[in-house]
């Protein structure tokens, strides 16, 4: 277990991709700090399963992020995974939804990273892994805030990687295509409404239409790549935007 003795904070890790990454890191011996909302009993179960701590910090609030990071103490691995989505045309996009998506999907990545980096640089070792998206490279209609945020995550990742290139810290992002998670499932009704489609049409003609493999990416596949990025063999990988999208962005 090559991560024994290292501490990993994974945001948005009470379900979906974040939980898969948390489980994969725990399997390699990492001490975990979970973050996210959910049923308290289920979160308690996850804490016991993974031997983890949990922070319920609202990552749309910088003050809550600062409190979470202070309570966490120095972290060796930071996985910025928390995210949300809203689907609507630009001229009908609620301003408050825009602000929330930018705050959670983009600004939180900055705030956690700026607070984690000093200890990583002092140790001479660290890993920051940001969950971006195929939408960090390409766009889709009705997702202006999400696409803007994920493009921002990709750019932020490159900048942070350049700044830390000689420090023993690597900063990368993983850009999955459509992964079958609650985030994807929950956006189907909005897409149905926005495009006037059935559920089946959204899944086959909108979501999987983008992926040449015609298969959803799995959360475990994303988690396996995140774990690899923590290995010493991945120390030359920094500033990378690693696509895992069934060929979507190759088109």
Protein backbone atom coordinates (compact mmCIF):
# COMPACT_ATOMS: atom_id res chain seq x y z
CA UNK A 1 0.00 0.00 0.00
CA UNK A 2 2.12 2.81 -1.34
CA UNK A 3 0.06 5.65 0.21
CA UNK A 4 0.41 4.51 3.81
CA UNK A 5 1.13 7.52 5.99
CA UNK A 6 -0.20 10.01 3.46
CA UNK A 7 -3.35 12.08 3.96
CA UNK A 8 -5.82 12.61 1.13
CA UNK A 9 -8.70 15.07 1.00
CA UNK A 10 -11.30 14.31 -1.66
CA UNK A 11 -14.05 16.87 -2.17
CA UNK A 12 -17.49 15.76 -3.31
CA UNK A 13 -16.67 12.27 -2.10
CA UNK A 14 -19.92 11.08 -0.53
CA UNK A 15 -21.08 9.67 -3.89
CA UNK A 16 -20.14 9.15 -7.53
CA UNK A 17 -16.63 9.72 -8.85
CA UNK A 18 -15.37 11.24 -5.60
CA UNK A 19 -16.41 8.23 -3.55
CA UNK A 20 -14.77 5.87 -6.04
CA UNK A 21 -11.53 7.87 -5.83
CA UNK A 22 -11.71 7.93 -2.03
CA UNK A 23 -12.16 4.16 -1.88
CA UNK A 24 -9.27 3.61 -4.29
CA UNK A 25 -6.94 5.85 -2.28
CA UNK A 26 -7.97 4.17 0.97
CA UNK A 27 -7.20 0.78 -0.58
CA UNK A 28 -3.62 2.01 -1.04
CA UNK A 29 -3.36 3.03 2.60
CA UNK A 30 -4.17 6.75 2.50
CA UNK A 31 -5.72 8.45 5.51
CA UNK A 32 -8.91 9.96 4.12
CA UNK A 33 -10.89 13.10 4.65
CA UNK A 34 -14.24 12.94 2.91
CA UNK A 35 -16.25 16.01 1.97
CA UNK A 36 -19.78 16.33 0.75
CA UNK A 37 -23.43 16.37 1.58
CA UNK A 38 -25.74 13.39 2.03
CA UNK A 39 -27.66 11.26 4.46
CA UNK A 40 -25.90 11.46 7.85
CA UNK A 41 -26.32 7.74 8.49
CA UNK A 42 -24.78 6.89 5.12
CA UNK A 43 -21.90 9.27 5.73
CA UNK A 44 -21.29 7.64 9.12
CA UNK A 45 -21.24 4.27 7.38
CA UNK A 46 -18.69 5.51 4.85
CA UNK A 47 -16.51 6.94 7.64
CA UNK A 48 -16.46 3.54 9.33
CA UNK A 49 -15.90 1.67 6.05
CA UNK A 50 -12.94 3.83 5.04
CA UNK A 51 -11.62 4.83 8.44
CA UNK A 52 -12.14 8.40 7.31
CA UNK A 53 -12.90 11.79 8.71
CA UNK A 54 -15.64 13.88 7.12
CA UNK A 55 -16.17 17.58 6.50
CA UNK A 56 -19.58 18.86 5.52
CA UNK A 57 -18.14 22.19 4.38
CA UNK A 58 -20.10 24.10 1.75
CA UNK A 59 -17.43 24.67 -0.88
CA UNK A 60 -19.28 27.58 -2.45
CA UNK A 61 -18.13 29.58 0.62
CA UNK A 62 -14.44 30.51 0.90
CA UNK A 63 -14.73 30.83 4.68
CA UNK A 64 -16.05 27.28 4.92
CA UNK A 65 -13.18 26.03 2.75
CA UNK A 66 -10.67 27.77 5.01
CA UNK A 67 -12.22 26.15 8.06
CA UNK A 68 -12.21 22.71 6.39
CA UNK A 69 -8.56 23.00 5.39
CA UNK A 70 -7.53 24.19 8.83
CA UNK A 71 -9.30 21.24 10.46
CA UNK A 72 -7.81 18.81 7.92
CA UNK A 73 -4.25 19.87 8.63
CA UNK A 74 -1.51 19.26 6.06
CA UNK A 75 -2.68 17.07 3.18
CA UNK A 76 -0.43 15.17 0.79
CA UNK A 77 -3.10 14.53 -1.83
CA UNK A 78 -5.88 16.93 -2.76
CA UNK A 79 -8.59 15.76 -5.13
CA UNK A 80 -10.88 18.57 -6.23
CA UNK A 81 -13.94 16.71 -7.38
CA UNK A 82 -17.01 18.53 -6.03
CA UNK A 83 -19.30 19.81 -8.75
CA UNK A 84 -22.80 20.70 -9.78
CA UNK A 85 -24.65 21.27 -13.03
CA UNK A 86 -27.57 23.26 -14.39
CA UNK A 87 -28.87 23.10 -17.93
CA UNK A 88 -30.49 26.11 -19.63
CA UNK A 89 -29.82 28.45 -22.56
CA UNK A 90 -27.64 31.46 -21.81
CA UNK A 91 -30.49 33.96 -22.03
CA UNK A 92 -32.57 31.85 -19.62
CA UNK A 93 -29.76 30.80 -17.30
CA UNK A 94 -30.50 31.85 -13.70
CA UNK A 95 -27.78 34.20 -12.47
CA UNK A 96 -27.73 32.56 -9.06
CA UNK A 97 -27.10 29.16 -10.66
CA UNK A 98 -24.22 30.61 -12.66
CA UNK A 99 -22.65 32.00 -9.49
CA UNK A 100 -23.05 28.70 -7.61
CA UNK A 101 -21.56 26.61 -10.41
CA UNK A 102 -18.56 28.90 -10.83
CA UNK A 103 -18.05 28.98 -7.05
CA UNK A 104 -18.19 25.21 -6.57
CA UNK A 105 -16.70 23.90 -9.82
CA UNK A 106 -13.94 26.50 -10.26
CA UNK A 107 -13.33 28.88 -7.35
CA UNK A 108 -13.27 26.06 -4.79
CA UNK A 109 -10.41 24.45 -6.74
CA UNK A 110 -8.39 27.64 -6.28
CA UNK A 111 -9.19 28.00 -2.60
CA UNK A 112 -8.36 24.40 -1.62
CA UNK A 113 -5.20 24.43 -3.73
CA UNK A 114 -3.85 27.71 -2.36
CA UNK A 115 -4.31 26.42 1.16
CA UNK A 116 -2.86 22.94 0.52
CA UNK A 117 0.21 23.96 -1.46
CA UNK A 118 2.41 25.48 1.27
CA UNK A 119 2.59 22.21 3.23
CA UNK A 120 3.09 20.15 0.06
CA UNK A 121 5.97 22.36 -1.06
CA UNK A 122 7.51 22.24 2.41
CA UNK A 123 7.46 18.42 2.30
CA UNK A 124 8.73 18.28 -1.26
CA UNK A 125 5.88 16.00 -2.30
CA UNK A 126 2.24 16.50 -3.18
CA UNK A 127 -0.46 15.60 -5.61
CA UNK A 128 -3.33 17.83 -6.71
CA UNK A 129 -5.82 16.10 -8.98
CA UNK A 130 -8.74 18.06 -10.37
CA UNK A 131 -11.79 16.42 -11.84
CA UNK A 132 -12.41 18.41 -14.99
CA UNK A 133 -14.55 17.06 -17.83
CA UNK A 134 -14.62 16.57 -21.58
CA UNK A 135 -16.31 19.96 -21.26
CA UNK A 136 -12.92 21.39 -20.33
CA UNK A 137 -12.01 20.87 -23.98
CA UNK A 138 -15.28 21.10 -25.92
CA UNK A 139 -18.69 22.69 -25.38
CA UNK A 140 -22.30 21.53 -25.43
CA UNK A 141 -25.43 23.68 -25.70
CA UNK A 142 -27.20 24.85 -22.55
CA UNK A 143 -24.23 24.26 -20.23
CA UNK A 144 -22.52 27.64 -20.32
CA UNK A 145 -21.59 27.83 -16.62
CA UNK A 146 -20.33 24.25 -16.41
CA UNK A 147 -18.29 24.55 -19.62
CA UNK A 148 -16.82 27.88 -18.52
CA UNK A 149 -15.91 26.44 -15.11
CA UNK A 150 -14.31 23.30 -16.50
CA UNK A 151 -12.30 25.24 -19.08
CA UNK A 152 -11.17 27.33 -16.12
CA UNK A 153 -10.14 24.24 -14.15
CA UNK A 154 -7.98 23.10 -17.07
CA UNK A 155 -6.26 26.47 -17.27
CA UNK A 156 -5.79 26.72 -13.53
CA UNK A 157 -4.27 23.22 -13.49
CA UNK A 158 -1.65 24.22 -16.08
CA UNK A 159 -0.72 27.39 -14.21
CA UNK A 160 -0.41 25.66 -10.84
CA UNK A 161 1.66 22.90 -12.42
CA UNK A 162 4.12 25.40 -13.88
CA UNK A 163 4.45 27.19 -10.56
CA UNK A 164 5.20 23.94 -8.70
CA UNK A 165 7.26 22.19 -11.37
CA UNK A 166 10.46 22.00 -9.31
CA UNK A 167 8.82 21.44 -5.93
CA UNK A 168 7.94 17.73 -6.00
CA UNK A 169 4.26 18.62 -6.39
CA UNK A 170 2.29 17.62 -9.47
CA UNK A 171 -0.99 19.17 -10.56
CA UNK A 172 -3.15 17.44 -13.14
CA UNK A 173 -6.75 17.16 -14.18
CA UNK A 174 -8.75 14.19 -15.38
CA UNK A 175 -11.40 14.92 -17.98
CA UNK A 176 -13.99 12.16 -18.09
CA UNK A 177 -16.75 11.95 -20.63
CA UNK A 178 -20.15 10.97 -19.34
CA UNK A 179 -19.81 8.89 -16.19
CA UNK A 180 -22.97 7.32 -14.83
CA UNK A 181 -23.23 9.24 -11.55
CA UNK A 182 -26.01 11.13 -9.73
CA UNK A 183 -24.74 14.36 -11.37
CA UNK A 184 -25.36 12.95 -14.85
CA UNK A 185 -28.62 11.25 -13.93
CA UNK A 186 -29.99 14.40 -12.31
CA UNK A 187 -29.37 16.56 -15.37
CA UNK A 188 -31.47 14.32 -17.62
CA UNK A 189 -34.83 15.93 -16.69
CA UNK A 190 -33.47 19.42 -17.40
CA UNK A 191 -32.13 18.29 -20.75
CA UNK A 192 -35.44 16.62 -21.54
CA UNK A 193 -37.20 19.91 -20.87
CA UNK A 194 -34.66 22.10 -22.67
CA UNK A 195 -34.59 19.96 -25.80
CA UNK A 196 -38.07 18.44 -25.78
CA UNK A 197 -36.75 14.88 -25.67
CA UNK A 198 -37.64 11.65 -23.88
CA UNK A 199 -35.35 10.16 -21.25
CA UNK A 200 -34.20 7.47 -23.69
CA UNK A 201 -33.47 10.06 -26.35
CA UNK A 202 -31.39 12.12 -23.92
CA UNK A 203 -29.32 9.08 -22.92
CA UNK A 204 -28.75 7.72 -26.42
CA UNK A 205 -28.93 10.79 -28.66
CA UNK A 206 -27.40 13.43 -26.36
CA UNK A 207 -25.15 11.80 -23.76
CA UNK A 208 -23.76 8.70 -25.46
CA UNK A 209 -23.94 10.34 -28.89
CA UNK A 210 -20.78 12.20 -27.90
CA UNK A 211 -18.81 9.07 -27.00
CA UNK A 212 -17.71 6.87 -29.92
CA UNK A 213 -17.47 3.84 -27.61
CA UNK A 214 -21.22 4.22 -26.87
CA UNK A 215 -20.50 3.35 -23.26
CA UNK A 216 -20.50 5.41 -20.09
CA UNK A 217 -17.14 5.85 -18.38
CA UNK A 218 -17.12 4.18 -14.96
CA UNK A 219 -16.24 5.90 -11.73
CA UNK A 220 -13.77 3.11 -10.97
CA UNK A 221 -11.89 3.84 -14.21
CA UNK A 222 -11.48 7.47 -13.19
CA UNK A 223 -10.39 6.39 -9.72
CA UNK A 224 -7.72 4.07 -11.10
CA UNK A 225 -6.20 6.93 -13.09
CA UNK A 226 -6.26 9.18 -10.03
CA UNK A 227 -4.39 6.54 -8.03
CA UNK A 228 -1.78 6.17 -10.77
CA UNK A 229 -1.16 9.94 -10.72
CA UNK A 230 -0.18 9.56 -7.06
CA UNK A 231 2.55 7.03 -7.84
CA UNK A 232 6.20 7.96 -8.16
CA UNK A 233 6.06 6.59 -11.71
CA UNK A 234 3.72 9.49 -12.54
CA UNK A 235 6.01 12.19 -11.19
CA UNK A 236 6.79 13.45 -14.71
CA UNK A 237 3.09 13.97 -15.42
CA UNK A 238 2.15 17.49 -14.42
CA UNK A 239 0.03 20.15 -16.05
CA UNK A 240 -1.75 17.42 -18.00
CA UNK A 241 -5.39 17.29 -18.94
CA UNK A 242 -5.99 13.55 -19.21
CA UNK A 243 -9.01 12.65 -21.32
CA UNK A 244 -11.02 9.59 -20.36
CA UNK A 245 -14.03 10.06 -22.59
CA UNK A 246 -14.44 7.10 -24.90
CA UNK A 247 -12.97 9.08 -27.78
CA UNK A 248 -15.32 12.06 -27.48
CA UNK A 249 -12.68 14.78 -27.78
CA UNK A 250 -10.75 12.89 -30.47
CA UNK A 251 -13.45 13.79 -32.96
